[in-house]
């Protein structure tokens, strides 16, 4: 794994560099007509969808929480609320997610957010040597060890993905 290359710098990659985490930037050509961003990344990069993780901003009771789950499934909001001992969890409004993270939809990363939130990573990530998450813009993912993502984001691990 390496460091960020010139021209790929984003707050997400800068956070990894600052933390001394090894990673590989994985750029791909984003089609502006596509809205299934994670599926597009998996296909374009030739990576199984269970290794590509999407980042979703949620509201758990009244607190924002970042949930990271494989693109091959969905976020189980009840499981997320249960893990955090909350009454309920809902997806954040897209405008709120963009404003809080500083990223556009399809480019939201658990790394380098404008206003960081607690992160919960689906525990399936740990079954892979490396996973991919958005690096902060559409058409750019970052590949890293799941343990490194946990370390740099201080993520909790839990079974929060549904089918």
Protein backbone atom coordinates (compact mmCIF):
# COMPACT_ATOMS: atom_id res chain seq x y z
CA UNK A 1 0.00 0.00 0.00
CA UNK A 2 1.18 3.53 -0.56
CA UNK A 3 0.54 7.18 -0.01
CA UNK A 4 -1.68 9.68 -1.78
CA UNK A 5 -0.57 10.60 -5.27
CA UNK A 6 -0.55 14.17 -6.45
CA UNK A 7 -3.95 15.14 -7.81
CA UNK A 8 -5.90 12.77 -5.55
CA UNK A 9 -5.69 14.78 -2.34
CA UNK A 10 -8.93 14.97 -0.37
CA UNK A 11 -9.52 15.54 3.35
CA UNK A 12 -10.02 11.75 3.64
CA UNK A 13 -6.62 10.97 2.15
CA UNK A 14 -5.01 13.77 4.15
CA UNK A 15 -6.40 12.19 7.33
CA UNK A 16 -4.79 8.86 6.42
CA UNK A 17 -1.45 10.49 5.64
CA UNK A 18 -1.56 12.45 8.92
CA UNK A 19 -2.28 9.22 10.84
CA UNK A 20 0.54 7.34 9.09
CA UNK A 21 -1.90 4.76 7.69
CA UNK A 22 -0.95 2.74 4.60
CA UNK A 23 -3.49 2.92 1.79
CA UNK A 24 -3.94 2.72 -1.95
CA UNK A 25 -5.95 5.42 -3.76
CA UNK A 26 -8.31 3.67 -6.21
CA UNK A 27 -9.57 6.18 -8.81
CA UNK A 28 -12.14 5.20 -11.41
CA UNK A 29 -14.17 6.97 -14.08
CA UNK A 30 -17.47 8.10 -12.52
CA UNK A 31 -20.49 8.26 -14.82
CA UNK A 32 -22.61 11.29 -13.82
CA UNK A 33 -25.79 9.38 -14.72
CA UNK A 34 -25.11 6.70 -12.09
CA UNK A 35 -26.63 7.05 -8.62
CA UNK A 36 -25.72 3.59 -7.26
CA UNK A 37 -22.27 4.88 -6.35
CA UNK A 38 -21.00 1.86 -4.42
CA UNK A 39 -22.08 -0.62 -7.08
CA UNK A 40 -20.41 1.57 -9.70
CA UNK A 41 -17.15 1.60 -7.71
CA UNK A 42 -17.17 -2.18 -7.23
CA UNK A 43 -17.79 -2.79 -10.93
CA UNK A 44 -15.31 -0.18 -12.18
CA UNK A 45 -12.56 -1.37 -9.84
CA UNK A 46 -13.24 -5.08 -10.33
CA UNK A 47 -13.74 -5.64 -6.59
CA UNK A 48 -16.42 -7.88 -5.05
CA UNK A 49 -19.23 -5.65 -3.65
CA UNK A 50 -18.81 -7.17 -0.18
CA UNK A 51 -15.35 -5.50 0.00
CA UNK A 52 -16.61 -2.06 -1.04
CA UNK A 53 -18.25 -0.18 1.85
CA UNK A 54 -20.68 2.73 1.65
CA UNK A 55 -20.76 5.53 4.20
CA UNK A 56 -24.14 6.70 5.48
CA UNK A 57 -24.81 9.53 7.88
CA UNK A 58 -27.59 8.71 10.32
CA UNK A 59 -29.38 10.32 13.23
CA UNK A 60 -29.44 7.98 16.22
CA UNK A 61 -31.93 9.49 18.64
CA UNK A 62 -30.67 13.09 18.38
CA UNK A 63 -27.00 12.40 17.60
CA UNK A 64 -25.33 12.06 14.19
CA UNK A 65 -23.56 8.73 13.63
CA UNK A 66 -21.66 7.51 10.58
CA UNK A 67 -22.53 3.95 9.55
CA UNK A 68 -20.26 2.03 7.17
CA UNK A 69 -21.69 -1.09 5.51
CA UNK A 70 -20.92 -3.21 2.43
CA UNK A 71 -22.52 -2.04 -0.81
CA UNK A 72 -23.72 -5.64 -1.29
CA UNK A 73 -26.27 -5.07 1.47
CA UNK A 74 -28.05 -2.31 3.28
CA UNK A 75 -27.90 -0.59 6.65
CA UNK A 76 -30.14 -2.20 9.27
CA UNK A 77 -31.30 0.90 11.15
CA UNK A 78 -32.87 -1.15 13.95
CA UNK A 79 -29.59 -3.01 14.49
CA UNK A 80 -27.69 0.30 14.56
CA UNK A 81 -30.08 1.73 17.16
CA UNK A 82 -29.86 -1.48 19.21
CA UNK A 83 -26.04 -1.48 19.18
CA UNK A 84 -25.99 2.14 20.37
CA UNK A 85 -28.75 1.51 22.94
CA UNK A 86 -30.94 4.12 21.29
CA UNK A 87 -34.66 4.26 20.63
CA UNK A 88 -34.36 4.80 16.90
CA UNK A 89 -32.05 5.48 14.00
CA UNK A 90 -32.92 7.14 10.70
CA UNK A 91 -30.91 8.16 7.66
CA UNK A 92 -29.90 11.81 7.79
CA UNK A 93 -31.37 14.18 5.26
CA UNK A 94 -29.01 14.32 2.23
CA UNK A 95 -28.43 18.08 2.60
CA UNK A 96 -27.55 17.59 6.28
CA UNK A 97 -25.19 14.73 5.42
CA UNK A 98 -23.38 16.85 2.82
CA UNK A 99 -23.19 19.92 5.06
CA UNK A 100 -21.96 17.99 8.11
CA UNK A 101 -19.38 15.84 6.30
CA UNK A 102 -18.21 18.36 3.70
CA UNK A 103 -18.63 15.74 0.98
CA UNK A 104 -21.18 15.28 -1.81
CA UNK A 105 -23.48 12.27 -1.92
CA UNK A 106 -21.62 9.38 -3.48
CA UNK A 107 -18.36 10.79 -2.11
CA UNK A 108 -19.08 10.77 1.62
CA UNK A 109 -16.19 9.20 3.47
CA UNK A 110 -15.88 8.11 7.09
CA UNK A 111 -12.47 9.84 6.98
CA UNK A 112 -11.70 13.55 7.12
CA UNK A 113 -15.25 14.73 7.70
CA UNK A 114 -15.77 18.46 8.25
CA UNK A 115 -17.55 17.70 11.55
CA UNK A 116 -16.54 14.16 12.55
CA UNK A 117 -19.16 11.87 14.04
CA UNK A 118 -18.90 8.54 15.85
CA UNK A 119 -18.41 5.72 13.34
CA UNK A 120 -19.89 2.21 13.41
CA UNK A 121 -18.38 -0.22 10.90
CA UNK A 122 -20.17 -3.42 9.98
CA UNK A 123 -18.17 -6.26 11.53
CA UNK A 124 -18.06 -8.13 8.20
CA UNK A 125 -15.23 -5.77 7.23
CA UNK A 126 -12.87 -7.68 9.50
CA UNK A 127 -13.18 -10.81 7.33
CA UNK A 128 -11.25 -9.07 4.53
CA UNK A 129 -7.54 -8.24 4.30
CA UNK A 130 -8.52 -4.89 2.78
CA UNK A 131 -11.71 -2.96 2.09
CA UNK A 132 -12.56 0.09 0.02
CA UNK A 133 -14.40 3.20 1.18
CA UNK A 134 -14.98 6.51 -0.51
CA UNK A 135 -11.94 8.76 -0.44
CA UNK A 136 -14.04 11.92 -0.43
CA UNK A 137 -15.22 12.38 -3.99
CA UNK A 138 -17.13 10.46 -6.62
CA UNK A 139 -14.73 8.38 -8.68
CA UNK A 140 -12.16 7.90 -5.91
CA UNK A 141 -12.08 5.14 -3.32
CA UNK A 142 -9.32 4.24 -0.92
CA UNK A 143 -8.22 0.70 -0.15
CA UNK A 144 -6.94 0.00 3.35
CA UNK A 145 -6.90 -2.64 6.05
CA UNK A 146 -10.17 -2.64 8.02
CA UNK A 147 -8.23 -2.52 11.30
CA UNK A 148 -6.59 0.71 10.09
CA UNK A 149 -10.00 2.22 9.30
CA UNK A 150 -11.14 1.28 12.81
CA UNK A 151 -8.01 2.83 14.33
CA UNK A 152 -8.11 6.12 12.43
CA UNK A 153 -11.86 6.67 12.89
CA UNK A 154 -12.11 5.05 16.34
CA UNK A 155 -14.98 3.04 14.89
CA UNK A 156 -17.04 0.56 16.80
CA UNK A 157 -17.62 -2.81 15.16
CA UNK A 158 -21.10 -4.34 15.07
CA UNK A 159 -23.39 -6.38 12.82
CA UNK A 160 -25.31 -3.45 11.30
CA UNK A 161 -25.70 -4.62 7.69
CA UNK A 162 -28.89 -6.18 6.41
CA UNK A 163 -29.52 -8.13 3.22
